[in-house]
């Protein structure tokens, strides 16, 4: 096969892969077609990988095959073993590894083109892309690792490290990185290969530090936004790397991931009534302040599954509010059975979904879809809040910060201004929790001691199953 034909076939294959990526992204915009979207994305990526491997310039197939085997085994093990509660952490790690891969590929291509750089033949736009890939990729890698640690609630990482002039120092570090990048471009144009390599390493290391300092102050309810933003960063880094190695499908795929991640981040910020700037620099962190829990919870009233079943007898409308605790208890199937049991008795059952419930975008939607809960019963916060005063019973399962009325009443609270599911307006609220421990923002929730609230202290799955059993027995 001639060289020209190889190029034409590869170009066509990359075009098909890019179209599959676009189709996949479109399909994943709705839960009903999301599975098909994933399959299309896998097919597109498989085609892109195969095309890249079969390129005539590729050498060292033993290393490539070994990498494919190791990566496939690790990916398969993680995909089959990770729990839904650990999926946000998994996403954070994947974002980070994507950023690291971009840095390594750009650096490797820089080394492979030593002669061209020494002669000053490397285009300025490619040198800019090299620097951008090092910055964004390294920031994504270190920032994602720190996000993983926060989501995993490692004691040393859950609370941010405080130091003087935190934001000014971040800005200064960012300016230094940009200055070094400009120096790299100038040195590359002058053919100073040694300087370029040294600057690339320094830029990558400084950007690793920048990723840590940027994510360090962020926590609490903002973590899902950070995960979405880091996902966008990983796409941008991949797109920049595509420019470095002149790979069209990497440019297109990176642009798609980067753009979709930014759009999702903006949607989530709007739903939380917060700007992206406020998320990145406003320091909404875990371990917030507020009244002592003993003071807030002085009038908490507990209940039993049997009493809840009696309370649900004869009601017309029930709203279930899922949270991270539902994911921990793996209670989604039990929740679906409770909803079906109530519906069989003529009760209207809906599920109120907060945009940042859980630890990643769409966490609750995925869990409930896994349990075959009908999509039309999943109501977004803005759609259901205006009608909450007509709800007979709201059942909160493992949610805390997203139903905390302090967000509306205390301007000094770490979650001040964050829109919540307004269950406090319902006739009766049943909260299912193991204990009165705080949510990820680390503050007490006065809803739990409200006059219209009853607490059922139990494992989420067991409690819901007991309520369902009591309803059926009655």
Protein backbone atom coordinates (compact mmCIF):
# COMPACT_ATOMS: atom_id res chain seq x y z
CA UNK A 1 0.00 0.00 0.00
CA UNK A 2 1.42 3.39 -1.01
CA UNK A 3 2.30 6.09 1.52
CA UNK A 4 -0.44 8.36 0.14
CA UNK A 5 -3.11 5.69 0.53
CA UNK A 6 -2.06 5.08 4.13
CA UNK A 7 -2.51 8.76 4.89
CA UNK A 8 -5.92 8.89 3.20
CA UNK A 9 -7.19 5.79 5.03
CA UNK A 10 -5.91 7.06 8.39
CA UNK A 11 -7.52 10.47 7.79
CA UNK A 12 -10.85 8.85 6.94
CA UNK A 13 -10.67 6.56 10.01
CA UNK A 14 -9.98 9.52 12.27
CA UNK A 15 -12.91 11.38 10.72
CA UNK A 16 -15.22 8.45 11.41
CA UNK A 17 -13.92 8.23 15.00
CA UNK A 18 -14.55 11.95 15.51
CA UNK A 19 -18.11 11.60 14.19
CA UNK A 20 -18.67 8.69 16.57
CA UNK A 21 -17.46 10.88 19.46
CA UNK A 22 -19.91 13.62 18.50
CA UNK A 23 -22.76 11.12 18.14
CA UNK A 24 -21.84 9.58 21.50
CA UNK A 25 -21.88 12.97 23.22
CA UNK A 26 -25.27 13.75 21.69
CA UNK A 27 -26.66 10.38 22.84
CA UNK A 28 -25.40 10.85 26.38
CA UNK A 29 -27.43 14.04 26.71
CA UNK A 30 -30.48 11.94 27.69
CA UNK A 31 -30.67 8.98 30.09
CA UNK A 32 -32.64 6.87 27.63
CA UNK A 33 -29.83 6.94 25.05
CA UNK A 34 -26.86 7.21 27.41
CA UNK A 35 -25.93 3.51 27.16
CA UNK A 36 -25.86 3.75 23.38
CA UNK A 37 -23.75 6.87 23.70
CA UNK A 38 -21.19 5.04 25.81
CA UNK A 39 -20.98 2.22 23.27
CA UNK A 40 -20.51 4.68 20.42
CA UNK A 41 -17.75 6.44 22.37
CA UNK A 42 -15.99 3.12 23.00
CA UNK A 43 -16.25 2.23 19.30
CA UNK A 44 -14.85 5.59 18.27
CA UNK A 45 -11.97 5.35 20.72
CA UNK A 46 -11.21 1.80 19.61
CA UNK A 47 -11.05 2.92 15.98
CA UNK A 48 -8.82 5.87 16.87
CA UNK A 49 -6.41 3.68 18.86
CA UNK A 50 -6.23 1.05 16.10
CA UNK A 51 -5.54 3.72 13.48
CA UNK A 52 -2.77 5.27 15.57
CA UNK A 53 -1.13 1.89 16.23
CA UNK A 54 -1.14 0.98 12.52
CA UNK A 55 0.62 4.21 11.55
CA UNK A 56 3.74 3.45 9.52
CA UNK A 57 5.91 5.59 11.83
CA UNK A 58 5.05 3.56 14.93
CA UNK A 59 7.86 1.39 16.31
CA UNK A 60 8.18 -0.77 19.42
CA UNK A 61 5.00 -2.80 19.23
CA UNK A 62 6.06 -4.93 22.19
CA UNK A 63 5.85 -1.92 24.49
CA UNK A 64 2.54 -0.83 22.98
CA UNK A 65 0.94 -4.26 23.33
CA UNK A 66 2.23 -4.56 26.90
CA UNK A 67 0.72 -1.18 27.72
CA UNK A 68 -2.60 -2.13 26.17
CA UNK A 69 -2.75 -5.36 28.14
CA UNK A 70 -1.82 -3.77 31.46
CA UNK A 71 -4.17 -0.83 30.94
CA UNK A 72 -7.05 -3.06 29.87
CA UNK A 73 -6.64 -5.36 32.87
CA UNK A 74 -6.42 -2.47 35.33
CA UNK A 75 -9.41 -0.74 33.73
CA UNK A 76 -11.52 -3.91 33.74
CA UNK A 77 -10.72 -4.65 37.38
CA UNK A 78 -11.56 -1.11 38.48
CA UNK A 79 -14.75 -1.01 36.41
CA UNK A 80 -16.06 -4.25 37.89
CA UNK A 81 -15.00 -3.68 41.49
CA UNK A 82 -15.56 0.01 42.12
CA UNK A 83 -18.73 0.76 44.07
CA UNK A 84 -21.07 3.55 43.04
CA UNK A 85 -19.98 5.42 46.15
CA UNK A 86 -16.44 5.36 44.80
CA UNK A 87 -17.33 6.44 41.26
CA UNK A 88 -16.59 10.16 41.86
CA UNK A 89 -13.12 9.23 43.09
CA UNK A 90 -12.71 7.01 40.04
CA UNK A 91 -13.67 9.86 37.74
CA UNK A 92 -11.18 12.14 39.50
CA UNK A 93 -8.38 9.62 38.98
CA UNK A 94 -9.25 9.15 35.31
CA UNK A 95 -9.19 12.92 34.80
CA UNK A 96 -5.80 13.09 36.48
CA UNK A 97 -4.26 10.27 34.46
CA UNK A 98 -5.54 11.90 31.27
CA UNK A 99 -3.74 15.10 32.20
CA UNK A 100 -0.53 13.22 33.05
CA UNK A 101 -0.67 11.36 29.72
CA UNK A 102 -0.88 14.69 27.89
CA UNK A 103 2.23 16.00 29.65
CA UNK A 104 4.20 12.80 28.93
CA UNK A 105 3.20 12.63 25.26
CA UNK A 106 4.07 16.29 24.65
CA UNK A 107 7.40 15.86 26.40
CA UNK A 108 8.20 12.71 24.43
CA UNK A 109 7.39 14.40 21.13
CA UNK A 110 9.63 17.28 22.13
CA UNK A 111 12.52 14.86 22.68
CA UNK A 112 11.82 13.03 19.42
CA UNK A 113 12.08 16.28 17.47
CA UNK A 114 15.37 17.46 18.95
CA UNK A 115 16.93 18.09 15.55
CA UNK A 116 14.01 20.21 14.35
CA UNK A 117 14.02 22.26 17.55
CA UNK A 118 17.79 22.84 17.41
CA UNK A 119 17.41 24.12 13.86
CA UNK A 120 14.58 26.40 14.89
CA UNK A 121 12.18 24.65 12.53
CA UNK A 122 9.44 23.85 15.05
CA UNK A 123 6.47 26.17 14.41
CA UNK A 124 5.60 28.72 17.07
CA UNK A 125 2.03 27.39 17.38
CA UNK A 126 3.36 23.91 18.23
CA UNK A 127 5.68 25.34 20.88
CA UNK A 128 2.72 27.20 22.39
CA UNK A 129 0.73 23.95 22.40
CA UNK A 130 3.62 22.16 24.15
CA UNK A 131 3.64 24.73 26.94
CA UNK A 132 -0.17 24.71 27.22
CA UNK A 133 -0.21 20.91 27.39
CA UNK A 134 2.37 20.96 30.19
CA UNK A 135 0.42 23.57 32.17
CA UNK A 136 -3.10 22.21 31.82
CA UNK A 137 -2.07 18.55 31.99
CA UNK A 138 0.01 18.97 35.15
CA UNK A 139 -2.65 21.13 36.85
CA UNK A 140 -5.23 18.47 36.01
CA UNK A 141 -3.08 15.64 37.35
CA UNK A 142 -2.20 17.12 40.74
CA UNK A 143 -5.57 18.80 41.17
CA UNK A 144 -7.40 15.55 40.43
CA UNK A 145 -5.27 13.59 42.90
CA UNK A 146 -6.08 16.13 45.61
CA UNK A 147 -9.77 16.02 44.64
CA UNK A 148 -9.62 12.23 44.97
CA UNK A 149 -8.19 12.57 48.47
CA UNK A 150 -10.89 15.04 49.49
CA UNK A 151 -13.66 12.83 48.11
CA UNK A 152 -12.14 9.82 49.85
CA UNK A 153 -12.22 11.97 53.01
CA UNK A 154 -8.63 11.39 54.00
CA UNK A 155 -8.25 13.12 57.35
CA UNK A 156 -5.20 15.12 56.27
CA UNK A 157 -6.89 16.42 53.11
CA UNK A 158 -10.54 16.95 54.03
CA UNK A 159 -9.87 20.39 55.53
CA UNK A 160 -7.90 22.85 53.38
CA UNK A 161 -4.42 23.92 54.42
CA UNK A 162 -4.48 27.59 55.35
CA UNK A 163 -1.59 29.97 54.72
CA UNK A 164 -1.25 33.76 54.37
CA UNK A 165 -1.90 35.47 51.02
CA UNK A 166 -3.30 32.26 49.56
CA UNK A 167 -4.99 33.74 46.48
CA UNK A 168 -2.27 36.32 45.67
CA UNK A 169 0.34 33.57 45.80
CA UNK A 170 -1.76 31.45 43.44
CA UNK A 171 -1.98 34.38 41.04
CA UNK A 172 1.78 34.95 41.27
CA UNK A 173 2.50 31.28 40.60
CA UNK A 174 0.18 31.39 37.60
CA UNK A 175 1.99 34.44 36.21
CA UNK A 176 5.35 32.74 36.72
CA UNK A 177 4.14 29.68 34.78
CA UNK A 178 2.90 31.89 31.93
CA UNK A 179 6.21 33.78 31.89
CA UNK A 180 8.17 30.55 31.70
CA UNK A 181 5.91 29.41 28.86
CA UNK A 182 6.65 32.58 26.89
CA UNK A 183 10.37 31.99 27.48
CA UNK A 184 10.00 28.40 26.20
CA UNK A 185 8.40 29.64 22.97
CA UNK A 186 11.15 32.20 22.42
CA UNK A 187 13.90 29.69 23.20
CA UNK A 188 12.33 27.15 20.85
CA UNK A 189 12.20 29.66 18.04
CA UNK A 190 15.91 30.40 18.60
CA UNK A 191 16.82 26.69 18.50
CA UNK A 192 17.93 26.42 22.16
CA UNK A 193 16.88 22.82 22.70
CA UNK A 194 18.46 22.40 26.16
CA UNK A 195 16.70 25.50 27.43
CA UNK A 196 13.39 24.30 26.01
CA UNK A 197 13.66 20.91 27.72
CA UNK A 198 14.60 22.50 31.03
CA UNK A 199 11.78 25.00 30.84
CA UNK A 200 9.28 22.27 29.94
CA UNK A 201 10.25 20.34 33.09
CA UNK A 202 10.08 23.45 35.30
CA UNK A 203 6.70 24.46 33.84
CA UNK A 204 5.31 20.97 34.49
CA UNK A 205 6.59 20.93 38.09
CA UNK A 206 5.32 24.45 38.81
CA UNK A 207 1.95 23.54 37.32
CA UNK A 208 1.77 20.46 39.55
CA UNK A 209 2.12 22.80 42.52
CA UNK A 210 -0.46 25.17 41.01
CA UNK A 211 -2.97 22.34 40.68
CA UNK A 212 -2.62 21.58 44.38
CA UNK A 213 -2.94 25.19 45.49
CA UNK A 214 -5.99 25.76 43.28
CA UNK A 215 -7.95 22.73 44.54
CA UNK A 216 -6.73 22.95 48.15
CA UNK A 217 -9.29 25.56 49.37
CA UNK A 218 -12.26 23.95 47.59
CA UNK A 219 -14.51 21.43 49.27
CA UNK A 220 -18.00 20.83 50.54
CA UNK A 221 -20.81 21.12 48.03
CA UNK A 222 -18.44 22.50 45.39
CA UNK A 223 -16.57 19.22 44.84
CA UNK A 224 -18.90 17.98 42.05
CA UNK A 225 -18.23 21.26 40.23
CA UNK A 226 -14.48 20.75 40.64
CA UNK A 227 -14.71 17.22 39.23
CA UNK A 228 -16.57 18.56 36.19
CA UNK A 229 -14.03 21.35 35.71
CA UNK A 230 -11.06 19.00 35.99
CA UNK A 231 -12.70 16.77 33.40
CA UNK A 232 -12.81 19.78 31.10
CA UNK A 233 -9.13 20.48 31.83
CA UNK A 234 -8.19 16.92 30.86
CA UNK A 235 -9.94 17.42 27.52
CA UNK A 236 -8.18 20.74 26.91
CA UNK A 237 -4.82 19.13 27.70
CA UNK A 238 -5.57 16.29 25.27
CA UNK A 239 -6.56 18.78 22.58
CA UNK A 240 -3.31 20.72 23.03
CA UNK A 241 -1.36 17.45 22.79
CA UNK A 242 -3.21 16.73 19.55
CA UNK A 243 -1.75 19.94 18.13
CA UNK A 244 1.73 18.90 19.28
CA UNK A 245 1.68 15.49 17.58
CA UNK A 246 -0.58 16.62 14.68
CA UNK A 247 -3.33 14.12 15.50
CA UNK A 248 -6.74 15.32 14.28
CA UNK A 249 -8.90 12.97 16.31
CA UNK A 250 -7.09 13.94 19.52
CA UNK A 251 -7.72 17.59 18.77
CA UNK A 252 -11.42 16.98 18.12
CA UNK A 253 -11.91 14.60 21.06
CA UNK A 254 -10.10 16.95 23.42
CA UNK A 255 -12.16 19.91 22.23
CA UNK A 256 -15.39 17.95 22.76
CA UNK A 257 -14.44 16.92 26.30
CA UNK A 258 -13.16 20.39 27.15
CA UNK A 259 -16.23 22.20 25.84
CA UNK A 260 -18.78 19.77 27.31
CA UNK A 261 -17.03 19.89 30.69
CA UNK A 262 -17.13 23.69 30.75
CA UNK A 263 -20.82 23.70 29.77
CA UNK A 264 -21.66 21.19 32.51
CA UNK A 265 -19.68 23.23 35.03
CA UNK A 266 -21.59 26.38 34.09
CA UNK A 267 -24.93 24.58 34.35
CA UNK A 268 -24.05 23.31 37.84
CA UNK A 269 -22.84 26.72 38.98
CA UNK A 270 -26.08 28.29 37.77
CA UNK A 271 -28.10 25.65 39.62
CA UNK A 272 -26.14 26.43 42.79
CA UNK A 273 -26.53 30.20 42.33
CA UNK A 274 -22.74 30.55 42.31
CA UNK A 275 -20.29 31.84 39.73
CA UNK A 276 -17.32 29.75 38.63
CA UNK A 277 -15.04 32.44 40.00
CA UNK A 278 -16.74 32.12 43.38
CA UNK A 279 -16.30 28.34 43.32
CA UNK A 280 -12.60 28.57 42.49
CA UNK A 281 -11.74 31.48 44.78
CA UNK A 282 -14.60 31.75 47.26
CA UNK A 283 -13.35 28.98 49.57
CA UNK A 284 -16.49 26.99 50.35
CA UNK A 285 -14.81 24.25 52.33
CA UNK A 286 -15.60 21.19 54.39
CA UNK A 287 -15.60 21.56 58.13
CA UNK A 288 -17.66 24.73 58.21
CA UNK A 289 -18.74 26.83 61.14
CA UNK A 290 -22.12 27.33 62.77
CA UNK A 291 -24.04 26.59 65.97
CA UNK A 292 -22.96 23.57 68.00
CA UNK A 293 -24.67 20.33 66.99
CA UNK A 294 -25.78 19.71 70.59
CA UNK A 295 -27.64 23.03 70.52
CA UNK A 296 -29.23 22.50 67.10
CA UNK A 297 -30.33 18.92 67.80
CA UNK A 298 -31.76 19.47 71.28
CA UNK A 299 -35.33 18.77 70.09
CA UNK A 300 -34.78 15.97 67.58
CA UNK A 301 -37.62 13.42 67.48
CA UNK A 302 -37.02 9.84 66.32
CA UNK A 303 -39.47 7.39 64.78
CA UNK A 304 -39.74 3.74 63.67
CA UNK A 305 -40.44 2.03 60.32
CA UNK A 306 -43.89 1.01 61.57
CA UNK A 307 -44.79 4.59 62.51
CA UNK A 308 -43.56 5.83 59.12
CA UNK A 309 -45.75 3.23 57.41
CA UNK A 310 -48.77 4.48 59.38
CA UNK A 311 -47.89 8.05 58.45
CA UNK A 312 -47.79 7.11 54.76
CA UNK A 313 -51.21 5.46 54.91
CA UNK A 314 -53.72 7.57 53.01
CA UNK A 315 -51.32 10.27 51.76
CA UNK A 316 -51.61 11.58 48.21
CA UNK A 317 -48.15 12.85 47.33
CA UNK A 318 -44.70 11.68 48.47
CA UNK A 319 -41.34 13.09 47.40
CA UNK A 320 -38.15 11.09 47.94
CA UNK A 321 -34.91 13.06 48.21
CA UNK A 322 -31.82 10.85 47.66
CA UNK A 323 -28.35 11.78 48.85
CA UNK A 324 -24.88 10.35 49.22
CA UNK A 325 -26.07 8.19 52.13
CA UNK A 326 -28.34 6.32 49.73
CA UNK A 327 -25.32 5.51 47.60
CA UNK A 328 -23.32 4.36 50.63
CA UNK A 329 -26.14 2.04 51.74
CA UNK A 330 -26.76 0.84 48.15
CA UNK A 331 -30.42 1.53 48.85
CA UNK A 332 -31.54 2.52 45.35
CA UNK A 333 -33.33 -0.78 44.64
CA UNK A 334 -35.06 -0.68 48.04
CA UNK A 335 -36.10 2.91 47.35
CA UNK A 336 -37.55 1.89 44.00
CA UNK A 337 -39.53 -0.91 45.70
CA UNK A 338 -40.88 1.53 48.29
CA UNK A 339 -41.96 3.90 45.53
CA UNK A 340 -43.69 1.10 43.61
CA UNK A 341 -45.48 -0.07 46.77
CA UNK A 342 -46.80 3.43 47.41
CA UNK A 343 -47.85 3.86 43.79
CA UNK A 344 -49.79 0.59 43.96
CA UNK A 345 -51.81 2.24 46.73
CA UNK A 346 -52.57 5.26 44.54
CA UNK A 347 -49.87 7.57 45.95
CA UNK A 348 -48.05 9.98 43.63
CA UNK A 349 -44.28 9.39 44.09
CA UNK A 350 -41.55 11.67 42.74
CA UNK A 351 -37.79 11.94 43.27
CA UNK A 352 -36.29 15.38 43.89
CA UNK A 353 -32.75 15.57 42.48
CA UNK A 354 -30.34 18.26 43.59
CA UNK A 355 -27.67 19.05 40.94
CA UNK A 356 -24.81 18.42 43.39
CA UNK A 357 -26.34 15.60 45.45
CA UNK A 358 -23.68 12.93 45.89
CA UNK A 359 -20.09 13.52 44.91
CA UNK A 360 -20.25 14.00 41.14
CA UNK A 361 -22.63 15.40 38.50
CA UNK A 362 -25.62 13.11 37.96
CA UNK A 363 -24.69 10.74 40.80
CA UNK A 364 -28.26 10.25 42.01
CA UNK A 365 -29.66 9.98 38.49
CA UNK A 366 -27.27 7.13 37.72
CA UNK A 367 -28.14 5.27 40.91
CA UNK A 368 -31.90 5.54 40.40
CA UNK A 369 -31.63 4.67 36.71
CA UNK A 370 -29.71 1.56 37.75
CA UNK A 371 -32.75 0.60 39.85
CA UNK A 372 -35.09 1.16 36.86
CA UNK A 373 -36.81 4.21 38.32
CA UNK A 374 -38.76 5.87 35.52
CA UNK A 375 -36.96 8.93 34.14
CA UNK A 376 -40.09 11.08 34.19
CA UNK A 377 -40.31 10.69 37.97
CA UNK A 378 -36.88 12.30 38.47
CA UNK A 379 -37.57 15.99 39.08
CA UNK A 380 -34.91 18.67 39.03
CA UNK A 381 -34.69 21.02 41.99
CA UNK A 382 -36.03 24.08 40.15
CA UNK A 383 -39.00 22.11 38.84
CA UNK A 384 -40.13 20.60 42.14
CA UNK A 385 -39.36 23.32 44.69
CA UNK A 386 -42.36 25.56 43.78
CA UNK A 387 -44.74 22.70 44.64
CA UNK A 388 -43.09 21.41 47.83
CA UNK A 389 -45.78 22.93 50.06
CA UNK A 390 -48.29 20.52 48.50
CA UNK A 391 -46.24 17.44 49.46
CA UNK A 392 -47.70 15.28 52.24
CA UNK A 393 -44.48 13.47 53.13
CA UNK A 394 -40.87 14.06 52.04
CA UNK A 395 -38.51 11.14 52.65
CA UNK A 396 -34.87 12.25 52.81
CA UNK A 397 -32.44 9.35 52.43
CA UNK A 398 -28.87 10.18 53.31
CA UNK A 399 -29.01 13.80 52.12
CA UNK A 400 -27.78 16.57 54.38
CA UNK A 401 -26.29 19.75 52.91
CA UNK A 402 -28.67 19.81 49.91
CA UNK A 403 -31.71 20.07 52.25
CA UNK A 404 -30.14 22.30 54.89
CA UNK A 405 -32.26 25.48 55.35
CA UNK A 406 -29.21 27.26 56.79
CA UNK A 407 -28.26 27.95 53.16
CA UNK A 408 -31.22 30.36 53.05
CA UNK A 409 -31.04 31.83 56.55
CA UNK A 410 -27.37 32.21 57.53
CA UNK A 411 -25.25 34.43 55.24
CA UNK A 412 -22.11 33.37 57.13
CA UNK A 413 -22.67 29.66 56.56
CA UNK A 414 -20.24 27.77 54.27
CA UNK A 415 -23.25 26.87 52.08
CA UNK A 416 -24.88 30.32 52.16
CA UNK A 417 -26.73 31.08 48.94
CA UNK A 418 -26.71 27.51 47.67
CA UNK A 419 -30.20 26.54 46.45
CA UNK A 420 -31.60 23.54 48.33
CA UNK A 421 -34.43 21.04 48.00
CA UNK A 422 -37.00 22.86 50.16
CA UNK A 423 -38.34 19.87 52.08
CA UNK A 424 -38.81 22.10 55.13
CA UNK A 425 -41.99 23.37 53.43
CA UNK A 426 -43.55 19.89 53.25
CA UNK A 427 -46.25 18.79 55.68
CA UNK A 428 -44.04 16.07 57.18
CA UNK A 429 -40.39 15.20 56.66
CA UNK A 430 -38.88 11.78 57.35
CA UNK A 431 -35.08 11.79 57.47
CA UNK A 432 -33.31 8.44 57.27
CA UNK A 433 -29.76 8.60 58.64
CA UNK A 434 -27.42 6.41 60.62
CA UNK A 435 -26.63 9.25 63.00
CA UNK A 436 -26.65 13.01 63.36
CA UNK A 437 -23.20 13.31 61.83
CA UNK A 438 -22.82 16.37 59.55
CA UNK A 439 -22.71 16.31 55.77
CA UNK A 440 -19.65 17.03 53.64
CA UNK A 441 -19.82 20.76 54.48
CA UNK A 442 -19.37 19.84 58.15
CA UNK A 443 -22.27 21.87 59.62
CA UNK A 444 -25.37 20.97 61.63
CA UNK A 445 -28.77 20.87 59.93
CA UNK A 446 -31.67 22.49 61.84
CA UNK A 447 -34.15 20.69 59.55
CA UNK A 448 -33.57 17.57 61.64
CA UNK A 449 -34.97 19.32 64.73
CA UNK A 450 -37.87 21.06 63.00
CA UNK A 451 -41.42 20.54 64.28
CA UNK A 452 -42.47 18.75 61.09
CA UNK A 453 -39.45 16.41 60.97
CA UNK A 454 -38.98 12.86 62.27
CA UNK A 455 -35.68 10.99 62.17
CA UNK A 456 -35.36 7.29 61.48
CA UNK A 457 -31.91 6.25 62.69
CA UNK A 458 -30.90 3.22 60.64
CA UNK A 459 -28.99 2.01 57.61
CA UNK A 460 -30.70 3.48 54.56
CA UNK A 461 -31.35 0.21 52.78
CA UNK A 462 -32.58 -1.63 55.87
CA UNK A 463 -34.82 1.27 56.92
CA UNK A 464 -36.50 1.55 53.53
CA UNK A 465 -37.01 -2.21 53.33
CA UNK A 466 -38.60 -2.21 56.81
CA UNK A 467 -40.93 0.65 55.87
CA UNK A 468 -41.97 -1.20 52.70
CA UNK A 469 -42.56 -4.40 54.67
CA UNK A 470 -44.71 -2.55 57.21
CA UNK A 471 -46.77 -0.91 54.45
CA UNK A 472 -47.43 -4.27 52.79
CA UNK A 473 -48.30 -5.88 56.13
CA UNK A 474 -50.80 -3.14 56.89
